[in-house]
Amino acid sequence: MVRWTAGGQLEFVGRADHQVKVRGFRIELGEVEAVLGAVEGVAQALALVREDRPGDRRLVGYLVPSDPGAGLDAAQVRSLAAARLPEYMVPSALVVLDEMPLTPNGKTDLKRLPLPDTAPRQAGRPPRNAREEVLCGLFAELLGLEQIGRTRTSSSAAATRCWPPG
């Protein structure tokens, strides 16, 4: 979408679709929501990009279970989504809610959505030598994390050196 400025120039305002760009990849949020919403036990799914720390844009999924009493395993939902989506389209965090927060007009209140848990899920493998210790320290500082592991197994089962554990 664009608009005319007072000086007669076209100014880019934003996109008319729900496409976002994260780490250089274009992602259609509706595709992510469709896959998350198709998982058995999920009544509602919402995908959005959060930038809670400057420069750290992350794809986050919010889920409402069909049966709130039964609960919903976010790790299992993420695993099922990873089987159907390219790795860059799998949300880095999933948040399970009892219900979506709504505005008085009945739309999802994005401002009231809780922050995803950013705590590392596991300690990761410690550095083996001084070089790895320096590299992991630099990556931790760059990513704004307290600690970082030597390796991490991603959903594609490829090990990535000095990446956040989890």
N, C-alpha and C. Protein backbone atom coordinates (compact mmCIF):
# COMPACT_ATOMS: atom_id res chain seq x y z
N MET A 1 0.85 -1.16 0.00
CA MET A 1 0.00 0.00 0.00
C MET A 1 0.90 1.24 0.00
N VAL A 2 0.49 2.23 -0.73
CA VAL A 2 1.23 3.49 -0.80
C VAL A 2 0.25 4.66 -0.66
N ARG A 3 0.80 5.84 -0.41
CA ARG A 3 -0.05 7.04 -0.36
C ARG A 3 0.76 8.19 -0.96
N TRP A 4 0.05 9.19 -1.41
CA TRP A 4 0.69 10.39 -1.94
C TRP A 4 1.04 11.31 -0.80
N THR A 5 2.23 11.87 -0.81
CA THR A 5 2.61 12.87 0.19
C THR A 5 2.18 14.24 -0.33
N ALA A 6 2.26 15.25 0.53
CA ALA A 6 1.90 16.61 0.13
C ALA A 6 2.80 17.10 -1.00
N GLY A 7 4.03 16.56 -1.08
CA GLY A 7 4.98 16.95 -2.12
C GLY A 7 4.81 16.19 -3.42
N GLY A 8 3.79 15.33 -3.52
CA GLY A 8 3.54 14.59 -4.74
C GLY A 8 4.35 13.31 -4.89
N GLN A 9 4.99 12.86 -3.82
CA GLN A 9 5.77 11.62 -3.84
C GLN A 9 4.92 10.46 -3.33
N LEU A 10 5.19 9.28 -3.84
CA LEU A 10 4.55 8.08 -3.29
C LEU A 10 5.34 7.59 -2.10
N GLU A 11 4.63 7.29 -1.01
CA GLU A 11 5.26 6.82 0.21
C GLU A 11 4.73 5.42 0.53
N PHE A 12 5.64 4.46 0.73
CA PHE A 12 5.26 3.10 1.08
C PHE A 12 4.71 3.07 2.50
N VAL A 13 3.51 2.54 2.68
CA VAL A 13 2.87 2.50 3.99
C VAL A 13 2.96 1.09 4.59
N GLY A 14 2.79 0.07 3.79
CA GLY A 14 2.83 -1.30 4.30
C GLY A 14 2.23 -2.25 3.29
N ARG A 15 2.11 -3.50 3.70
CA ARG A 15 1.57 -4.52 2.82
C ARG A 15 0.07 -4.67 3.07
N ALA A 16 -0.67 -5.03 2.03
CA ALA A 16 -2.11 -5.23 2.16
C ALA A 16 -2.42 -6.68 2.55
N ASP A 17 -1.43 -7.57 2.41
CA ASP A 17 -1.64 -8.96 2.79
C ASP A 17 -1.02 -9.21 4.16
N HIS A 18 -0.97 -10.44 4.57
CA HIS A 18 -0.40 -10.78 5.87
C HIS A 18 0.97 -11.41 5.71
N GLN A 19 1.71 -10.93 4.74
CA GLN A 19 3.05 -11.44 4.50
C GLN A 19 4.06 -10.62 5.29
N VAL A 20 4.99 -11.31 5.93
CA VAL A 20 6.02 -10.65 6.72
C VAL A 20 7.38 -11.16 6.28
N LYS A 21 8.42 -10.47 6.68
CA LYS A 21 9.77 -10.90 6.36
C LYS A 21 10.53 -11.11 7.66
N VAL A 22 11.05 -12.32 7.85
CA VAL A 22 11.82 -12.66 9.04
C VAL A 22 13.10 -13.34 8.58
N ARG A 23 14.23 -12.81 9.01
CA ARG A 23 15.55 -13.34 8.66
C ARG A 23 15.71 -13.55 7.16
N GLY A 24 15.16 -12.63 6.37
CA GLY A 24 15.31 -12.67 4.92
C GLY A 24 14.29 -13.55 4.20
N PHE A 25 13.41 -14.22 4.91
CA PHE A 25 12.40 -15.09 4.30
C PHE A 25 11.03 -14.42 4.36
N ARG A 26 10.30 -14.49 3.26
CA ARG A 26 8.92 -13.99 3.24
C ARG A 26 8.01 -15.11 3.75
N ILE A 27 7.16 -14.76 4.70
CA ILE A 27 6.27 -15.73 5.32
C ILE A 27 4.85 -15.22 5.26
N GLU A 28 3.94 -16.05 4.76
CA GLU A 28 2.52 -15.72 4.76
C GLU A 28 1.95 -16.25 6.08
N LEU A 29 1.57 -15.33 6.97
CA LEU A 29 1.10 -15.73 8.29
C LEU A 29 -0.12 -16.64 8.24
N GLY A 30 -0.96 -16.45 7.24
CA GLY A 30 -2.15 -17.29 7.09
C GLY A 30 -1.80 -18.75 6.87
N GLU A 31 -0.70 -19.03 6.17
CA GLU A 31 -0.26 -20.41 5.96
C GLU A 31 0.15 -21.04 7.28
N VAL A 32 0.89 -20.30 8.08
CA VAL A 32 1.33 -20.81 9.37
C VAL A 32 0.12 -21.06 10.26
N GLU A 33 -0.82 -20.11 10.29
CA GLU A 33 -2.02 -20.26 11.10
C GLU A 33 -2.85 -21.47 10.66
N ALA A 34 -2.94 -21.71 9.35
CA ALA A 34 -3.70 -22.85 8.83
C ALA A 34 -3.09 -24.17 9.29
N VAL A 35 -1.79 -24.27 9.25
CA VAL A 35 -1.13 -25.51 9.69
C VAL A 35 -1.29 -25.71 11.19
N LEU A 36 -1.08 -24.65 11.98
CA LEU A 36 -1.25 -24.76 13.43
C LEU A 36 -2.69 -25.09 13.78
N GLY A 37 -3.64 -24.45 13.10
CA GLY A 37 -5.05 -24.67 13.37
C GLY A 37 -5.56 -26.04 12.96
N ALA A 38 -4.84 -26.72 12.05
CA ALA A 38 -5.25 -28.04 11.58
C ALA A 38 -4.81 -29.15 12.54
N VAL A 39 -3.97 -28.83 13.51
CA VAL A 39 -3.52 -29.83 14.48
C VAL A 39 -4.70 -30.20 15.38
N GLU A 40 -4.87 -31.49 15.59
CA GLU A 40 -5.97 -31.96 16.43
C GLU A 40 -5.83 -31.39 17.84
N GLY A 41 -6.92 -30.84 18.35
CA GLY A 41 -6.91 -30.25 19.68
C GLY A 41 -6.73 -28.75 19.70
N VAL A 42 -6.46 -28.15 18.52
CA VAL A 42 -6.30 -26.70 18.44
C VAL A 42 -7.58 -26.09 17.90
N ALA A 43 -8.21 -25.20 18.68
CA ALA A 43 -9.44 -24.54 18.25
C ALA A 43 -9.13 -23.26 17.49
N GLN A 44 -8.12 -22.50 17.95
CA GLN A 44 -7.74 -21.24 17.32
C GLN A 44 -6.23 -21.15 17.26
N ALA A 45 -5.73 -20.55 16.19
CA ALA A 45 -4.29 -20.33 16.05
C ALA A 45 -4.06 -18.94 15.47
N LEU A 46 -3.04 -18.30 15.97
CA LEU A 46 -2.65 -16.98 15.49
C LEU A 46 -1.14 -16.97 15.37
N ALA A 47 -0.64 -16.47 14.26
CA ALA A 47 0.81 -16.33 14.06
C ALA A 47 1.10 -14.86 13.85
N LEU A 48 2.18 -14.41 14.47
CA LEU A 48 2.61 -13.02 14.27
C LEU A 48 4.10 -12.91 14.53
N VAL A 49 4.65 -11.78 14.10
CA VAL A 49 6.07 -11.51 14.31
C VAL A 49 6.18 -10.57 15.50
N ARG A 50 7.02 -10.95 16.46
CA ARG A 50 7.27 -10.11 17.62
C ARG A 50 8.71 -9.62 17.55
N GLU A 51 8.91 -8.39 17.97
CA GLU A 51 10.25 -7.82 18.09
C GLU A 51 10.35 -7.23 19.49
N ASP A 52 10.47 -8.13 20.47
CA ASP A 52 10.51 -7.71 21.87
C ASP A 52 11.86 -7.10 22.24
N ARG A 53 12.90 -7.47 21.52
CA ARG A 53 14.21 -6.84 21.64
C ARG A 53 14.54 -6.26 20.28
N PRO A 54 15.05 -5.05 20.21
CA PRO A 54 15.36 -4.43 18.91
C PRO A 54 16.24 -5.33 18.05
N GLY A 55 15.78 -5.56 16.82
CA GLY A 55 16.54 -6.37 15.87
C GLY A 55 16.30 -7.86 15.99
N ASP A 56 15.52 -8.30 16.98
CA ASP A 56 15.26 -9.73 17.19
C ASP A 56 13.81 -10.03 16.81
N ARG A 57 13.57 -10.17 15.49
CA ARG A 57 12.22 -10.47 14.99
C ARG A 57 12.03 -11.98 15.03
N ARG A 58 10.95 -12.41 15.73
CA ARG A 58 10.68 -13.84 15.87
C ARG A 58 9.24 -14.15 15.50
N LEU A 59 9.06 -15.27 14.85
CA LEU A 59 7.73 -15.75 14.53
C LEU A 59 7.20 -16.50 15.75
N VAL A 60 6.03 -16.07 16.24
CA VAL A 60 5.43 -16.65 17.44
C VAL A 60 4.02 -17.11 17.10
N GLY A 61 3.66 -18.28 17.62
CA GLY A 61 2.32 -18.80 17.44
C GLY A 61 1.56 -18.79 18.75
N TYR A 62 0.28 -18.41 18.70
CA TYR A 62 -0.59 -18.44 19.87
C TYR A 62 -1.69 -19.45 19.59
N LEU A 63 -1.95 -20.33 20.55
CA LEU A 63 -2.90 -21.42 20.37
C LEU A 63 -3.94 -21.42 21.48
N VAL A 64 -5.18 -21.74 21.09
CA VAL A 64 -6.26 -21.95 22.06
C VAL A 64 -6.72 -23.38 21.85
N PRO A 65 -6.67 -24.21 22.91
CA PRO A 65 -7.08 -25.61 22.75
C PRO A 65 -8.59 -25.76 22.60
N SER A 66 -8.99 -26.83 21.90
CA SER A 66 -10.42 -27.14 21.74
C SER A 66 -11.05 -27.44 23.09
N ASP A 67 -10.32 -28.17 23.92
CA ASP A 67 -10.79 -28.53 25.25
C ASP A 67 -9.80 -27.97 26.26
N PRO A 68 -10.11 -26.81 26.86
CA PRO A 68 -9.17 -26.18 27.79
C PRO A 68 -8.76 -27.09 28.95
N GLY A 69 -9.64 -27.99 29.36
CA GLY A 69 -9.33 -28.89 30.47
C GLY A 69 -8.29 -29.94 30.10
N ALA A 70 -8.24 -30.31 28.82
CA ALA A 70 -7.32 -31.36 28.38
C ALA A 70 -5.90 -30.84 28.20
N GLY A 71 -5.76 -29.53 28.00
CA GLY A 71 -4.43 -28.96 27.77
C GLY A 71 -3.97 -29.20 26.35
N LEU A 72 -2.82 -28.66 26.05
CA LEU A 72 -2.27 -28.76 24.70
C LEU A 72 -0.75 -28.78 24.82
N ASP A 73 -0.12 -29.74 24.20
CA ASP A 73 1.34 -29.87 24.24
C ASP A 73 1.94 -29.04 23.12
N ALA A 74 2.49 -27.87 23.46
CA ALA A 74 3.05 -26.96 22.47
C ALA A 74 4.21 -27.61 21.72
N ALA A 75 5.02 -28.42 22.39
CA ALA A 75 6.15 -29.07 21.73
C ALA A 75 5.66 -30.03 20.66
N GLN A 76 4.58 -30.73 20.93
CA GLN A 76 4.02 -31.66 19.94
C GLN A 76 3.43 -30.89 18.76
N VAL A 77 2.75 -29.78 19.03
CA VAL A 77 2.19 -28.96 17.95
C VAL A 77 3.33 -28.42 17.08
N ARG A 78 4.40 -27.98 17.71
CA ARG A 78 5.56 -27.47 16.96
C ARG A 78 6.17 -28.56 16.09
N SER A 79 6.26 -29.76 16.63
CA SER A 79 6.80 -30.90 15.89
C SER A 79 5.93 -31.23 14.66
N LEU A 80 4.63 -31.21 14.85
CA LEU A 80 3.72 -31.49 13.73
C LEU A 80 3.79 -30.37 12.69
N ALA A 81 3.92 -29.13 13.14
CA ALA A 81 4.05 -28.00 12.21
C ALA A 81 5.35 -28.11 11.43
N ALA A 82 6.43 -28.54 12.10
CA ALA A 82 7.73 -28.68 11.44
C ALA A 82 7.70 -29.75 10.36
N ALA A 83 6.80 -30.71 10.48
CA ALA A 83 6.67 -31.75 9.45
C ALA A 83 5.96 -31.23 8.21
N ARG A 84 5.20 -30.14 8.34
CA ARG A 84 4.42 -29.62 7.21
C ARG A 84 4.91 -28.29 6.67
N LEU A 85 5.76 -27.60 7.41
CA LEU A 85 6.23 -26.28 6.99
C LEU A 85 7.75 -26.28 6.82
N PRO A 86 8.26 -25.40 5.96
CA PRO A 86 9.72 -25.23 5.91
C PRO A 86 10.21 -24.71 7.27
N GLU A 87 11.43 -25.01 7.61
CA GLU A 87 11.96 -24.65 8.94
C GLU A 87 11.80 -23.17 9.26
N TYR A 88 12.00 -22.30 8.26
CA TYR A 88 11.92 -20.86 8.54
C TYR A 88 10.49 -20.39 8.83
N MET A 89 9.48 -21.23 8.54
CA MET A 89 8.09 -20.86 8.80
C MET A 89 7.55 -21.44 10.10
N VAL A 90 8.34 -22.26 10.78
CA VAL A 90 7.91 -22.85 12.05
C VAL A 90 8.13 -21.82 13.15
N PRO A 91 7.09 -21.49 13.91
CA PRO A 91 7.26 -20.49 14.97
C PRO A 91 8.36 -20.88 15.94
N SER A 92 9.16 -19.91 16.35
CA SER A 92 10.23 -20.20 17.30
C SER A 92 9.68 -20.39 18.70
N ALA A 93 8.46 -19.93 18.94
CA ALA A 93 7.82 -20.11 20.24
C ALA A 93 6.32 -20.28 20.02
N LEU A 94 5.72 -21.12 20.84
CA LEU A 94 4.27 -21.30 20.84
C LEU A 94 3.76 -21.01 22.24
N VAL A 95 2.69 -20.24 22.31
CA VAL A 95 2.09 -19.87 23.59
C VAL A 95 0.67 -20.41 23.60
N VAL A 96 0.35 -21.21 24.62
CA VAL A 96 -1.00 -21.77 24.76
C VAL A 96 -1.79 -20.86 25.69
N LEU A 97 -2.96 -20.43 25.20
CA LEU A 97 -3.84 -19.53 25.95
C LEU A 97 -5.17 -20.21 26.23
N ASP A 98 -5.85 -19.82 27.30
CA ASP A 98 -7.20 -20.32 27.56
C ASP A 98 -8.17 -19.76 26.52
N GLU A 99 -7.96 -18.48 26.15
CA GLU A 99 -8.76 -17.82 25.12
C GLU A 99 -7.97 -16.65 24.57
N MET A 100 -8.28 -16.26 23.34
CA MET A 100 -7.61 -15.11 22.73
C MET A 100 -8.16 -13.85 23.38
N PRO A 101 -7.28 -12.92 23.74
CA PRO A 101 -7.78 -11.64 24.28
C PRO A 101 -8.45 -10.85 23.16
N LEU A 102 -9.59 -10.28 23.45
CA LEU A 102 -10.36 -9.56 22.43
C LEU A 102 -10.52 -8.09 22.79
N THR A 103 -10.62 -7.27 21.75
CA THR A 103 -10.94 -5.86 21.93
C THR A 103 -12.45 -5.75 22.13
N PRO A 104 -12.95 -4.58 22.52
CA PRO A 104 -14.41 -4.42 22.64
C PRO A 104 -15.15 -4.69 21.32
N ASN A 105 -14.44 -4.57 20.18
CA ASN A 105 -15.07 -4.83 18.88
C ASN A 105 -15.02 -6.30 18.48
N GLY A 106 -14.44 -7.15 19.33
CA GLY A 106 -14.40 -8.58 19.05
C GLY A 106 -13.20 -9.04 18.23
N LYS A 107 -12.25 -8.15 17.98
CA LYS A 107 -11.04 -8.53 17.25
C LYS A 107 -9.97 -8.95 18.26
N THR A 108 -8.99 -9.72 17.80
CA THR A 108 -7.90 -10.14 18.68
C THR A 108 -7.12 -8.92 19.13
N ASP A 109 -6.94 -8.79 20.44
CA ASP A 109 -6.21 -7.67 21.02
C ASP A 109 -4.72 -8.04 21.07
N LEU A 110 -3.98 -7.66 20.05
CA LEU A 110 -2.57 -8.04 19.93
C LEU A 110 -1.72 -7.48 21.06
N LYS A 111 -2.12 -6.34 21.62
CA LYS A 111 -1.35 -5.73 22.70
C LYS A 111 -1.43 -6.53 23.99
N ARG A 112 -2.47 -7.32 24.15
CA ARG A 112 -2.65 -8.09 25.37
C ARG A 112 -2.13 -9.52 25.26
N LEU A 113 -1.56 -9.89 24.12
CA LEU A 113 -0.99 -11.23 23.98
C LEU A 113 0.28 -11.31 24.84
N PRO A 114 0.43 -12.38 25.62
CA PRO A 114 1.60 -12.48 26.50
C PRO A 114 2.89 -12.72 25.72
N LEU A 115 3.99 -12.32 26.33
CA LEU A 115 5.30 -12.58 25.75
C LEU A 115 5.57 -14.08 25.79
N PRO A 116 6.23 -14.60 24.76
CA PRO A 116 6.61 -16.01 24.80
C PRO A 116 7.75 -16.21 25.79
N ASP A 117 7.84 -17.41 26.32
CA ASP A 117 8.93 -17.75 27.23
C ASP A 117 10.21 -17.83 26.41
N THR A 118 11.20 -17.02 26.76
CA THR A 118 12.45 -17.00 26.01
C THR A 118 13.56 -17.72 26.75
N ALA A 119 13.23 -18.35 27.87
CA ALA A 119 14.27 -19.06 28.63
C ALA A 119 14.74 -20.27 27.85
N PRO A 120 16.04 -20.55 27.88
CA PRO A 120 16.54 -21.73 27.18
C PRO A 120 15.90 -22.99 27.74
N ARG A 121 15.60 -23.95 26.86
CA ARG A 121 14.95 -25.18 27.27
C ARG A 121 15.92 -26.18 27.87
N GLN A 122 17.18 -26.07 27.53
CA GLN A 122 18.17 -26.99 28.07
C GLN A 122 19.51 -26.27 28.12
N ALA A 123 20.43 -26.85 28.86
CA ALA A 123 21.73 -26.20 29.04
C ALA A 123 22.59 -26.26 27.79
N GLY A 124 22.39 -27.24 26.93
CA GLY A 124 23.24 -27.39 25.75
C GLY A 124 24.58 -27.99 26.12
N ARG A 125 25.36 -28.31 25.14
CA ARG A 125 26.68 -28.89 25.38
C ARG A 125 27.67 -27.77 25.67
N PRO A 126 28.46 -27.93 26.69
CA PRO A 126 29.44 -26.88 27.02
C PRO A 126 30.57 -26.84 25.99
N PRO A 127 31.23 -25.70 25.87
CA PRO A 127 32.36 -25.60 24.95
C PRO A 127 33.45 -26.60 25.32
N ARG A 128 34.11 -27.17 24.30
CA ARG A 128 35.16 -28.17 24.53
C ARG A 128 36.54 -27.56 24.72
N ASN A 129 36.74 -26.37 24.17
CA ASN A 129 38.07 -25.77 24.26
C ASN A 129 37.93 -24.25 24.30
N ALA A 130 39.06 -23.57 24.40
CA ALA A 130 39.05 -22.11 24.54
C ALA A 130 38.43 -21.42 23.33
N ARG A 131 38.69 -21.93 22.14
CA ARG A 131 38.13 -21.33 20.91
C ARG A 131 36.60 -21.38 20.94
N GLU A 132 36.03 -22.55 21.27
CA GLU A 132 34.57 -22.68 21.32
C GLU A 132 33.99 -21.83 22.45
N GLU A 133 34.73 -21.71 23.55
CA GLU A 133 34.26 -20.88 24.66
C GLU A 133 34.15 -19.41 24.22
N VAL A 134 35.15 -18.93 23.49
CA VAL A 134 35.12 -17.55 22.98
C VAL A 134 33.99 -17.37 21.98
N LEU A 135 33.84 -18.32 21.04
CA LEU A 135 32.77 -18.21 20.04
C LEU A 135 31.39 -18.23 20.69
N CYS A 136 31.17 -19.15 21.61
CA CYS A 136 29.87 -19.22 22.28
C CYS A 136 29.61 -17.96 23.10
N GLY A 137 30.64 -17.41 23.72
CA GLY A 137 30.49 -16.17 24.46
C GLY A 137 30.10 -15.01 23.55
N LEU A 138 30.73 -14.96 22.37
CA LEU A 138 30.39 -13.90 21.40
C LEU A 138 28.97 -14.04 20.90
N PHE A 139 28.56 -15.27 20.57
CA PHE A 139 27.19 -15.48 20.10
C PHE A 139 26.18 -15.14 21.20
N ALA A 140 26.47 -15.51 22.44
CA ALA A 140 25.56 -15.20 23.54
C ALA A 140 25.41 -13.69 23.69
N GLU A 141 26.53 -12.97 23.61
CA GLU A 141 26.48 -11.52 23.71
C GLU A 141 25.71 -10.91 22.55
N LEU A 142 25.98 -11.38 21.34
CA LEU A 142 25.31 -10.87 20.14
C LEU A 142 23.80 -11.10 20.20
N LEU A 143 23.39 -12.28 20.69
CA LEU A 143 21.97 -12.62 20.74
C LEU A 143 21.29 -12.15 22.01
N GLY A 144 22.06 -11.58 22.93
CA GLY A 144 21.47 -11.08 24.17
C GLY A 144 21.03 -12.20 25.10
N LEU A 145 21.75 -13.33 25.07
CA LEU A 145 21.42 -14.45 25.92
C LEU A 145 22.45 -14.58 27.03
N GLU A 146 22.01 -15.12 28.16
CA GLU A 146 22.92 -15.29 29.29
C GLU A 146 23.95 -16.38 29.01
N GLN A 147 23.49 -17.47 28.42
CA GLN A 147 24.36 -18.61 28.16
C GLN A 147 23.97 -19.23 26.83
N ILE A 148 24.93 -19.87 26.20
CA ILE A 148 24.66 -20.48 24.91
C ILE A 148 25.40 -21.80 24.85
N GLY A 149 24.79 -22.77 24.20
CA GLY A 149 25.41 -24.09 24.10
C GLY A 149 26.31 -24.20 22.88
N ARG A 150 27.13 -25.24 22.88
CA ARG A 150 28.05 -25.48 21.77
C ARG A 150 27.30 -25.96 20.53
N THR A 151 26.31 -26.80 20.72
CA THR A 151 25.54 -27.32 19.58
C THR A 151 24.07 -27.31 19.91
N ARG A 152 23.28 -27.38 18.88
CA ARG A 152 21.83 -27.48 19.01
C ARG A 152 21.34 -28.31 17.86
N THR A 153 20.44 -29.22 18.10
CA THR A 153 19.85 -30.00 17.02
C THR A 153 18.57 -29.31 16.60
N SER A 154 18.47 -28.93 15.34
CA SER A 154 17.28 -28.24 14.86
C SER A 154 16.25 -29.27 14.41
N SER A 155 15.10 -28.80 13.97
CA SER A 155 14.05 -29.70 13.53
C SER A 155 14.46 -30.49 12.30
N SER A 156 15.46 -30.03 11.58
CA SER A 156 15.93 -30.77 10.41
C SER A 156 17.06 -31.71 10.79
N ALA A 157 17.33 -31.84 12.10
CA ALA A 157 18.34 -32.74 12.64
C ALA A 157 19.76 -32.37 12.24
N ALA A 158 19.97 -31.14 11.85
CA ALA A 158 21.33 -30.68 11.53
C ALA A 158 21.88 -29.92 12.71
N ALA A 159 23.09 -30.25 13.11
CA ALA A 159 23.69 -29.56 14.25
C ALA A 159 24.23 -28.21 13.82
N THR A 160 24.00 -27.20 14.63
CA THR A 160 24.49 -25.86 14.36
C THR A 160 25.40 -25.46 15.51
N ARG A 161 26.61 -25.15 15.23
CA ARG A 161 27.56 -24.80 16.30
C ARG A 161 27.22 -23.46 16.93
N CYS A 162 27.41 -23.40 18.24
CA CYS A 162 27.24 -22.17 19.02
C CYS A 162 25.94 -21.45 18.73
N TRP A 163 24.87 -22.14 18.86
CA TRP A 163 23.55 -21.57 18.67
C TRP A 163 22.79 -21.70 19.95
N PRO A 164 21.76 -20.90 20.20
CA PRO A 164 21.05 -21.00 21.48
C PRO A 164 20.57 -22.42 21.72
N PRO A 165 20.76 -22.94 22.91
CA PRO A 165 20.27 -24.29 23.20
C PRO A 165 18.75 -24.31 23.14
N GLY A 166 18.21 -25.45 22.84
CA GLY A 166 16.76 -25.55 22.86
C GLY A 166 16.16 -26.14 21.66
